[in-house]
Protein backbone atom coordinates (compact mmCIF):
# COMPACT_ATOMS: atom_id res chain seq x y z
CA UNK A 1 12.96 69.17 9.16
CA UNK A 2 12.43 68.84 5.54
CA UNK A 3 12.19 65.47 4.08
CA UNK A 4 13.03 63.59 0.86
CA UNK A 5 11.48 60.16 0.64
CA UNK A 6 12.56 57.59 -1.70
CA UNK A 7 10.30 54.75 -2.49
CA UNK A 8 11.65 51.64 -3.91
CA UNK A 9 14.86 52.17 -1.85
CA UNK A 10 15.93 48.50 -1.93
CA UNK A 11 17.44 49.49 -5.10
CA UNK A 12 20.66 50.15 -3.32
CA UNK A 13 22.89 51.47 -6.15
CA UNK A 14 20.28 53.42 -7.72
CA UNK A 15 19.71 55.09 -3.97
CA UNK A 16 23.39 55.84 -4.04
CA UNK A 17 23.22 57.87 -7.19
CA UNK A 18 20.45 59.85 -6.33
CA UNK A 19 20.45 60.63 -2.51
CA UNK A 20 24.06 60.36 -2.69
CA UNK A 21 23.92 63.20 -5.60
CA UNK A 22 21.65 65.13 -2.92
CA UNK A 23 24.29 64.97 0.03
CA UNK A 24 26.36 67.50 -2.30
CA UNK A 25 23.53 69.94 -2.18
CA UNK A 26 24.19 72.69 0.51
CA UNK A 27 20.69 73.72 0.36
CA UNK A 28 19.59 70.21 1.44
CA UNK A 29 21.63 70.41 4.78
CA UNK A 30 19.42 69.08 7.59
CA UNK A 31 16.96 67.10 5.32
CA UNK A 32 15.86 63.66 6.53
CA UNK A 33 16.26 60.82 3.89
CA UNK A 34 13.35 58.74 4.43
CA UNK A 35 13.70 55.20 2.89
CA UNK A 36 10.79 53.01 1.93
CA UNK A 37 10.73 49.28 0.65
CA UNK A 38 8.95 46.21 1.09
CA UNK A 39 12.15 44.03 1.24
CA UNK A 40 13.32 44.74 4.75
CA UNK A 41 16.76 43.26 3.98
CA UNK A 42 17.48 45.45 1.04
CA UNK A 43 16.02 48.32 2.67
CA UNK A 44 18.52 48.00 5.49
CA UNK A 45 21.43 47.64 3.11
CA UNK A 46 20.47 50.90 1.73
CA UNK A 47 19.99 52.63 4.99
CA UNK A 48 23.51 51.48 5.99
CA UNK A 49 25.08 52.27 2.95
CA UNK A 50 23.52 55.85 3.00
CA UNK A 51 24.72 56.15 6.73
CA UNK A 52 28.26 55.61 5.64
CA UNK A 53 28.10 58.18 2.71
CA UNK A 54 26.66 60.72 5.30
CA UNK A 55 29.32 60.45 7.72
CA UNK A 56 31.91 60.91 4.96
CA UNK A 57 30.15 63.71 3.14
CA UNK A 58 27.26 65.32 5.11
CA UNK A 59 27.02 64.33 8.52
CA UNK A 60 23.63 66.92 8.90
CA UNK A 61 21.49 64.61 6.89
CA UNK A 62 19.40 62.20 8.96
CA UNK A 63 19.02 58.74 7.31
CA UNK A 64 16.01 56.61 8.48
CA UNK A 65 14.32 53.60 6.99
CA UNK A 66 10.64 52.90 7.24
CA UNK A 67 8.56 49.76 6.52
CA UNK A 68 5.36 51.59 6.75
CA UNK A 69 5.21 53.90 3.50
CA UNK A 70 2.68 56.37 4.92
CA UNK A 71 4.94 57.14 7.70
CA UNK A 72 7.83 57.53 5.41
CA UNK A 73 5.82 59.91 3.37
CA UNK A 74 4.29 61.84 6.24
CA UNK A 75 5.61 65.38 5.66
CA UNK A 76 7.99 64.86 2.79
CA UNK A 77 8.69 67.87 0.27
CA UNK A 78 10.17 65.51 -2.46
CA UNK A 79 9.20 61.63 -3.28
CA UNK A 80 11.50 59.70 -5.48
CA UNK A 81 9.82 56.50 -7.09
CA UNK A 82 12.04 53.73 -8.14
CA UNK A 83 9.98 50.59 -7.51
CA UNK A 84 9.64 47.67 -9.80
CA UNK A 85 6.37 45.85 -9.17
CA UNK A 86 6.65 42.00 -9.48
CA UNK A 87 10.31 42.17 -9.85
CA UNK A 88 12.45 39.98 -12.13
CA UNK A 89 10.70 36.88 -10.81
CA UNK A 90 7.85 36.21 -11.49
CA UNK A 91 6.79 39.24 -13.59
CA UNK A 92 9.69 39.99 -16.02
CA UNK A 93 9.93 36.16 -16.50
CA UNK A 94 6.23 36.09 -17.38
CA UNK A 95 6.30 39.45 -19.63
CA UNK A 96 8.96 37.24 -21.48
CA UNK A 97 8.21 33.77 -21.64
CA UNK A 98 4.33 33.77 -22.45
CA UNK A 99 4.81 35.99 -25.48
CA UNK A 100 7.68 33.68 -26.62
CA UNK A 101 5.21 30.67 -26.77
CA UNK A 102 3.16 32.91 -29.26
CA UNK A 103 6.50 33.56 -31.21
CA UNK A 104 6.68 37.28 -30.15
CA UNK A 105 10.35 38.17 -29.32
CA UNK A 106 11.25 40.98 -27.03
CA UNK A 107 14.80 42.90 -26.01
CA UNK A 108 13.64 44.94 -23.11
CA UNK A 109 9.88 44.84 -22.56
CA UNK A 110 9.76 47.82 -20.04
CA UNK A 111 8.64 50.56 -22.07
CA UNK A 112 5.60 49.62 -24.79
CA UNK A 113 5.13 46.47 -26.45
CA UNK A 114 3.44 43.39 -24.63
CA UNK A 115 5.68 43.59 -21.69
CA UNK A 116 5.84 47.04 -21.35
CA UNK A 117 2.02 46.91 -21.41
CA UNK A 118 1.71 44.56 -18.42
CA UNK A 119 4.49 46.19 -16.48
CA UNK A 120 2.25 49.31 -16.85
CA UNK A 121 -0.92 47.30 -15.71
CA UNK A 122 1.13 46.16 -12.65
CA UNK A 123 2.30 49.54 -11.46
CA UNK A 124 -0.15 52.09 -12.29
CA UNK A 125 -2.53 50.82 -9.23
CA UNK A 126 0.46 50.65 -6.96
CA UNK A 127 1.16 54.40 -7.86
CA UNK A 128 -2.29 55.37 -7.44
CA UNK A 129 -1.89 54.09 -3.84
CA UNK A 130 1.37 56.06 -3.41
CA UNK A 131 -0.79 59.16 -4.55
CA UNK A 132 -3.73 58.51 -1.97
CA UNK A 133 -1.03 58.34 0.66
CA UNK A 134 0.70 61.66 -0.48
CA UNK A 135 -2.68 63.39 -0.93
CA UNK A 136 -3.18 62.60 2.92
CA UNK A 137 0.18 63.26 4.35
CA UNK A 138 2.31 65.21 2.03
CA UNK A 139 -0.11 66.80 -0.71
CA UNK A 140 2.23 69.69 -1.76
CA UNK A 141 5.09 67.23 -2.15
CA UNK A 142 6.73 66.81 -5.83
CA UNK A 143 6.64 63.33 -7.12
CA UNK A 144 10.02 62.41 -9.06
CA UNK A 145 9.00 59.43 -11.16
CA UNK A 146 12.03 57.20 -12.38
CA UNK A 147 10.08 54.04 -12.86
CA UNK A 148 9.26 52.52 -16.36
CA UNK A 149 7.35 52.73 -18.46
CA UNK A 150 7.93 56.29 -18.00
CA UNK A 151 5.12 57.83 -20.20
CA UNK A 152 2.29 55.54 -18.98
CA UNK A 153 3.10 56.01 -15.57
CA UNK A 154 3.82 59.59 -15.45
CA UNK A 155 0.70 60.18 -17.58
CA UNK A 156 -1.41 58.18 -15.32
CA UNK A 157 -0.39 60.19 -12.28
CA UNK A 158 -0.73 63.55 -14.07
CA UNK A 159 -4.32 62.71 -15.28
CA UNK A 160 -5.71 60.72 -12.54
CA UNK A 161 -4.29 62.02 -9.70
CA UNK A 162 -3.72 65.42 -7.66
CA UNK A 163 0.19 65.01 -7.01
CA UNK A 164 2.71 67.04 -8.93
CA UNK A 165 4.68 64.77 -10.81
CA UNK A 166 7.69 64.69 -13.25
CA UNK A 167 9.02 61.79 -15.15
CA UNK A 168 12.80 61.47 -15.34
CA UNK A 169 14.88 59.30 -17.70
CA UNK A 170 18.62 59.77 -18.21
CA UNK A 171 18.53 58.99 -21.84
CA UNK A 172 18.33 62.57 -23.10
CA UNK A 173 21.38 63.76 -21.13
CA UNK A 174 23.72 60.93 -22.48
CA UNK A 175 22.31 61.02 -25.91
CA UNK A 176 24.59 63.32 -27.92
CA UNK A 177 27.41 62.58 -25.95
CA UNK A 178 27.26 58.77 -26.76
CA UNK A 179 26.55 59.65 -30.26
CA UNK A 180 29.63 61.62 -30.87
CA UNK A 181 31.76 59.27 -29.08
CA UNK A 182 30.79 56.48 -31.19
CA UNK A 183 31.56 58.45 -34.15
CA UNK A 184 34.79 60.00 -33.07
CA UNK A 185 33.38 63.22 -32.90
CA UNK A 186 34.24 65.92 -30.20
CA UNK A 187 30.89 66.72 -28.04
CA UNK A 188 32.53 69.73 -26.58
CA UNK A 189 30.48 72.97 -27.04
CA UNK A 190 27.50 71.21 -29.18
CA UNK A 191 24.16 72.70 -28.91
CA UNK A 192 21.30 70.26 -28.91
CA UNK A 193 17.44 70.57 -29.10
CA UNK A 194 15.75 67.41 -28.21
CA UNK A 195 12.01 66.68 -27.92
CA UNK A 196 9.53 63.66 -28.50
CA UNK A 197 8.25 61.11 -26.02
CA UNK A 198 10.36 59.23 -23.35
CA UNK A 199 12.48 56.51 -25.01
CA UNK A 200 11.87 57.95 -28.44
CA UNK A 201 12.43 61.56 -28.23
CA UNK A 202 14.65 62.97 -31.24
CA UNK A 203 17.72 64.95 -31.63
CA UNK A 204 15.95 67.78 -33.40
CA UNK A 205 18.96 70.16 -33.96
CA UNK A 206 22.61 69.47 -33.37
CA UNK A 207 25.09 72.29 -33.95
CA UNK A 208 28.45 73.88 -33.01
CA UNK A 209 29.11 77.62 -33.53
CA UNK A 210 26.05 77.75 -35.52
CA UNK A 211 26.94 74.76 -37.88
CA UNK A 212 24.57 72.00 -38.35
CA UNK A 213 26.45 68.94 -37.58
CA UNK A 214 24.01 66.38 -39.08
CA UNK A 215 25.70 66.15 -42.32
CA UNK A 216 28.85 64.79 -40.86
CA UNK A 217 26.81 62.73 -38.28
CA UNK A 218 25.04 60.85 -41.25
CA UNK A 219 28.20 60.61 -43.16
CA UNK A 220 29.97 58.66 -40.44
CA UNK A 221 26.97 56.78 -39.38
CA UNK A 222 26.53 55.42 -42.84
CA UNK A 223 30.16 54.16 -42.95
CA UNK A 224 29.84 52.87 -39.55
CA UNK A 225 27.03 50.76 -40.48
CA UNK A 226 29.34 48.51 -42.92
CA UNK A 227 30.68 46.96 -39.82
CA UNK A 228 28.73 45.43 -36.93
CA UNK A 229 28.16 47.72 -33.95
CA UNK A 230 25.96 48.04 -30.77
CA UNK A 231 23.86 50.97 -32.45
CA UNK A 232 22.78 49.69 -35.79
CA UNK A 233 19.01 50.25 -35.19
CA UNK A 234 19.30 53.88 -34.51
CA UNK A 235 21.79 54.54 -37.28
CA UNK A 236 19.05 52.79 -39.55
CA UNK A 237 16.23 54.76 -37.96
CA UNK A 238 18.23 57.71 -38.65
CA UNK A 239 18.98 56.96 -42.20
CA UNK A 240 15.21 56.21 -42.93
CA UNK A 241 13.75 59.08 -40.94
CA UNK A 242 16.29 61.87 -40.80
CA UNK A 243 16.99 62.10 -37.29
CA UNK A 244 18.64 60.34 -34.30
CA UNK A 245 16.51 58.94 -31.27
CA UNK A 246 17.46 59.32 -27.66
CA UNK A 247 17.32 55.74 -26.38
CA UNK A 248 19.38 52.84 -27.34
CA UNK A 249 19.12 50.32 -30.24
CA UNK A 250 18.27 47.44 -28.00
CA UNK A 251 15.27 49.49 -26.90
CA UNK A 252 13.95 50.83 -29.99
CA UNK A 253 14.30 47.44 -31.82
CA UNK A 254 11.18 46.80 -30.22
CA UNK A 255 9.22 50.10 -30.60
CA UNK A 256 9.15 49.84 -34.13
CA UNK A 257 7.77 46.95 -36.42
CA UNK A 258 10.74 46.96 -38.87
CA UNK A 259 13.63 45.01 -36.93
CA UNK A 260 12.27 42.08 -34.87
CA UNK A 261 10.43 39.97 -37.67
CA UNK A 262 9.35 36.26 -37.61
CA UNK A 263 9.29 36.23 -41.74
CA UNK A 264 12.84 38.08 -41.65
CA UNK A 265 15.13 36.31 -39.09
CA UNK A 266 18.33 37.55 -40.79
CA UNK A 267 17.48 41.04 -39.42
CA UNK A 268 18.42 40.10 -35.87
CA UNK A 269 21.90 39.48 -36.82
CA UNK A 270 22.18 42.20 -39.55
CA UNK A 271 21.09 44.95 -36.84
CA UNK A 272 22.80 43.30 -34.09
CA UNK A 273 19.62 42.88 -32.02
CA UNK A 274 20.02 41.32 -28.54
CA UNK A 275 16.65 39.37 -27.86
CA UNK A 276 16.00 38.56 -24.37
CA UNK A 277 18.49 41.38 -23.17
CA UNK A 278 16.82 42.28 -20.10
CA UNK A 279 16.35 38.82 -18.40
CA UNK A 280 20.05 38.32 -18.98
CA UNK A 281 20.74 41.80 -17.52
CA UNK A 282 18.57 40.84 -14.43
CA UNK A 283 20.42 37.68 -13.77
CA UNK A 284 23.92 39.34 -14.10
CA UNK A 285 22.41 42.17 -11.88
CA UNK A 286 21.44 39.69 -9.21
CA UNK A 287 24.73 37.68 -9.21
CA UNK A 288 26.70 40.84 -9.37
CA UNK A 289 24.85 42.38 -6.30
CA UNK A 290 25.63 39.02 -4.22
CA UNK A 291 29.29 39.69 -4.98
CA UNK A 292 29.46 43.47 -4.52
CA UNK A 293 27.15 43.76 -1.41
CA UNK A 294 29.69 43.63 1.27
CA UNK A 295 31.91 46.21 -0.07
CA UNK A 296 28.71 48.65 -0.89
CA UNK A 297 27.03 48.25 2.07
CA UNK A 298 29.58 47.85 4.86
CA UNK A 299 32.48 49.96 3.48
CA UNK A 300 32.78 52.91 5.79
CA UNK A 301 35.03 54.42 3.22
CA UNK A 302 32.74 54.09 0.29
CA UNK A 303 32.96 57.00 -1.88
CA UNK A 304 30.33 58.98 -4.30
CA UNK A 305 30.64 61.73 -7.08
CA UNK A 306 27.55 63.55 -8.03
CA UNK A 307 26.11 61.55 -11.21
CA UNK A 308 24.58 62.80 -14.14
CA UNK A 309 20.80 61.84 -12.72
CA UNK A 310 18.56 65.12 -12.83
CA UNK A 311 16.96 64.42 -9.38
CA UNK A 312 19.37 66.24 -6.94
CA UNK A 313 19.70 69.16 -9.62
CA UNK A 314 15.95 69.77 -9.72
CA UNK A 315 15.81 69.58 -6.02
CA UNK A 316 18.47 72.13 -5.63
CA UNK A 317 16.88 74.34 -8.07
CA UNK A 318 13.45 74.28 -6.41
CA UNK A 319 15.49 74.82 -3.02
CA UNK A 320 17.75 77.67 -4.16
CA UNK A 321 15.58 79.34 -6.74
CA UNK A 322 18.65 79.10 -9.32
CA UNK A 323 17.18 77.56 -12.57
CA UNK A 324 18.09 74.16 -13.96
CA UNK A 325 17.01 73.22 -17.30
CA UNK A 326 16.50 69.42 -18.19
CA UNK A 327 14.36 67.24 -20.32
CA UNK A 328 11.33 66.09 -18.39
CA UNK A 329 8.25 64.01 -19.03
CA UNK A 330 4.99 66.11 -18.76
CA UNK A 331 1.61 66.14 -19.97
CA UNK A 332 1.26 67.72 -23.56
CA UNK A 333 -0.98 70.42 -22.12
CA UNK A 334 -1.53 73.17 -24.47
CA UNK A 335 0.25 71.09 -27.09
CA UNK A 336 3.79 71.79 -26.25
CA UNK A 337 4.40 69.31 -29.24
CA UNK A 338 1.77 70.78 -31.44
CA UNK A 339 1.41 67.58 -33.71
CA UNK A 340 0.91 65.23 -30.68
CA UNK A 341 -2.13 64.82 -28.69
CA UNK A 342 -2.74 66.80 -25.80
CA UNK A 343 -3.45 64.03 -23.62
CA UNK A 344 -0.15 62.21 -23.90
CA UNK A 345 2.86 62.14 -21.98
CA UNK A 346 5.68 64.12 -23.68
CA UNK A 347 9.54 64.45 -23.18
CA UNK A 348 10.52 68.21 -23.62
CA UNK A 349 12.73 70.66 -22.46
CA UNK A 350 11.62 71.93 -18.65
CA UNK A 351 13.11 74.46 -16.48
CA UNK A 352 12.94 74.14 -12.52
CA UNK A 353 13.19 76.89 -10.03
CA UNK A 354 11.23 77.71 -6.89
CA UNK A 355 8.06 77.98 -8.62
CA UNK A 356 8.06 74.36 -9.70
CA UNK A 357 8.81 72.82 -13.25
CA UNK A 358 7.88 74.66 -16.52
CA UNK A 359 7.93 72.98 -19.60
CA UNK A 360 8.72 74.61 -22.83
CA UNK A 361 7.20 74.80 -25.95
CA UNK A 362 8.45 72.93 -29.00
CA UNK A 363 5.75 73.32 -31.76
CA UNK A 364 5.49 70.84 -34.69
CA UNK A 365 8.09 67.85 -34.70
CA UNK A 366 8.86 66.93 -38.33
CA UNK A 367 6.03 64.88 -39.42
CA UNK A 368 7.70 61.54 -39.83
CA UNK A 369 8.97 61.63 -36.25
CA UNK A 370 5.47 62.65 -34.86
CA UNK A 371 4.08 59.79 -36.86
CA UNK A 372 6.54 57.24 -35.21
CA UNK A 373 5.69 58.84 -31.57
CA UNK A 374 1.91 58.42 -32.28
CA UNK A 375 2.29 54.80 -32.73
CA UNK A 376 3.55 54.45 -29.23
CA UNK A 377 1.32 57.04 -27.68
CA UNK A 378 -1.70 55.00 -29.00
CA UNK A 379 -0.93 52.07 -26.60
CA UNK A 380 0.29 54.15 -24.00
CA UNK A 381 -3.20 56.09 -23.88
CA UNK A 382 -4.99 52.90 -24.05
CA UNK A 383 -2.84 51.32 -21.36
CA UNK A 384 -4.10 54.13 -19.00
CA UNK A 385 -7.67 53.62 -20.14
CA UNK A 386 -6.95 49.92 -19.04
CA UNK A 387 -5.57 50.59 -15.73
CA UNK A 388 -8.33 53.16 -14.83
CA UNK A 389 -11.60 51.41 -16.12
CA UNK A 390 -10.27 47.83 -15.41
CA UNK A 391 -11.80 46.62 -18.57
CA UNK A 392 -10.45 43.87 -20.66
CA UNK A 393 -11.33 45.33 -23.70
CA UNK A 394 -9.00 48.27 -23.42
CA UNK A 395 -6.04 45.66 -22.29
CA UNK A 396 -6.67 43.97 -25.81
CA UNK A 397 -6.69 47.42 -27.51
CA UNK A 398 -3.48 48.69 -26.26
CA UNK A 399 -1.79 45.40 -27.37
CA UNK A 400 -3.71 45.30 -30.75
CA UNK A 401 -2.20 48.94 -31.41
CA UNK A 402 1.21 47.98 -30.30
CA UNK A 403 3.54 48.30 -33.49
CA UNK A 404 5.59 45.32 -32.70
CA UNK A 405 2.94 42.79 -31.66
CA UNK A 406 0.36 43.64 -34.36
CA UNK A 407 3.05 43.24 -36.92
CA UNK A 408 3.65 39.82 -35.69
CA UNK A 409 0.52 38.15 -34.44
CA UNK A 410 -3.14 37.82 -35.51
CA UNK A 411 -6.02 39.57 -33.30
CA UNK A 412 -7.00 36.32 -31.87
CA UNK A 413 -3.60 35.43 -30.84
CA UNK A 414 -3.00 38.77 -29.55
CA UNK A 415 -6.24 38.69 -27.28
CA UNK A 416 -5.47 35.16 -26.19
CA UNK A 417 -1.86 36.10 -24.99
CA UNK A 418 -3.38 39.00 -22.87
CA UNK A 419 -5.80 36.49 -21.31
CA UNK A 420 -2.58 34.18 -20.59
CA UNK A 421 -0.82 37.32 -19.39
CA UNK A 422 -3.42 38.14 -16.94
CA UNK A 423 -3.95 34.83 -15.71
CA UNK A 424 -0.17 34.17 -15.20
CA UNK A 425 0.42 37.46 -13.20
CA UNK A 426 -2.52 36.68 -10.88
CA UNK A 427 -2.67 39.00 -7.73
CA UNK A 428 0.04 41.01 -9.45
CA UNK A 429 -2.85 42.55 -11.29
CA UNK A 430 -6.19 44.02 -10.52
CA UNK A 431 -9.11 42.27 -11.74
CA UNK A 432 -10.34 42.91 -15.07
CA UNK A 433 -13.91 42.47 -16.40
């Protein structure tokens, strides 16, 4: 029996999306869906939810929960990763509250920035443990990583393990559609070309019937900027740098040094920036889960429709040899994006089939876009150095190179803040020297 293993399966809603999607793939009939999580209660919830779905949509699939990770991984053909190391409490709270004491504010803190840095440092060692298990019990499996920070985690796996890894996000497939809907434009039949790094990939081309739609997009965006809306940061970046970026404005507000600034507090209101957005979401999601758990877990008539998540489509392409094109995160081997570093993790069009995953060559990005990407890549590469060498100096350097952090704080404050974060996270981090 072939097996798909889902690590972090206590994320019941996401498990429903990805594994629920897989139930609609005939090529996966007879597979086992192996679920693993360290939270036994949430693990059982996800198992019961998926059992309800299999009865309704695909009884040939076996669903089984495992508390033993290696047992869950044994014989897997595909491994889906959706873990959050440290959770909302204590780690996300620490990632926000300690920087705030230094006057450093954040919105999401899961990609780069000081929060993204420490989320990476918590997570990379755990992924390396996954890789060790996989090298022993399923060495040929594909590792589909959905966990953030996408670039540093995927880059670490690809550079420092033998596991075939692809990083998957949903910002690429929703980017153009959301942009067009926000500008009251019809996305039907639109051709797009997107590349860069995760959460900062660029809509390089957007056409319909051969016509460049950027002039109309920019015209409408400039008009929309006259009133407050929820995508003001991205529209401002497009105005100044010429291209629209894939990930949301609340994310991009903290990827750059231009928007969250103690000396210019008026920018928060001007660009409608939701400071401390991620903690609010966590609190709301915890409350919502408590309210929806009964319906989600125990509803024998629970329904599902195949989502836009890439996972099931990639697995289907590998099983059937029918190619599937998607935006994936891979190493920049051979300079797929020729003006970004070769050891960076980039987000480019990829094609999946029975041969695996083949990334597509992009060439040069417009130089201003490559420059913005490099500011984030600098921190990502030093983060991987910190995680693999366990040297504090690389933790400091990663933070010192972060665009938002170094635009707000002195070098002394940045290193002191890192020390405070290391101490506060305690055993969630390895020991640095």
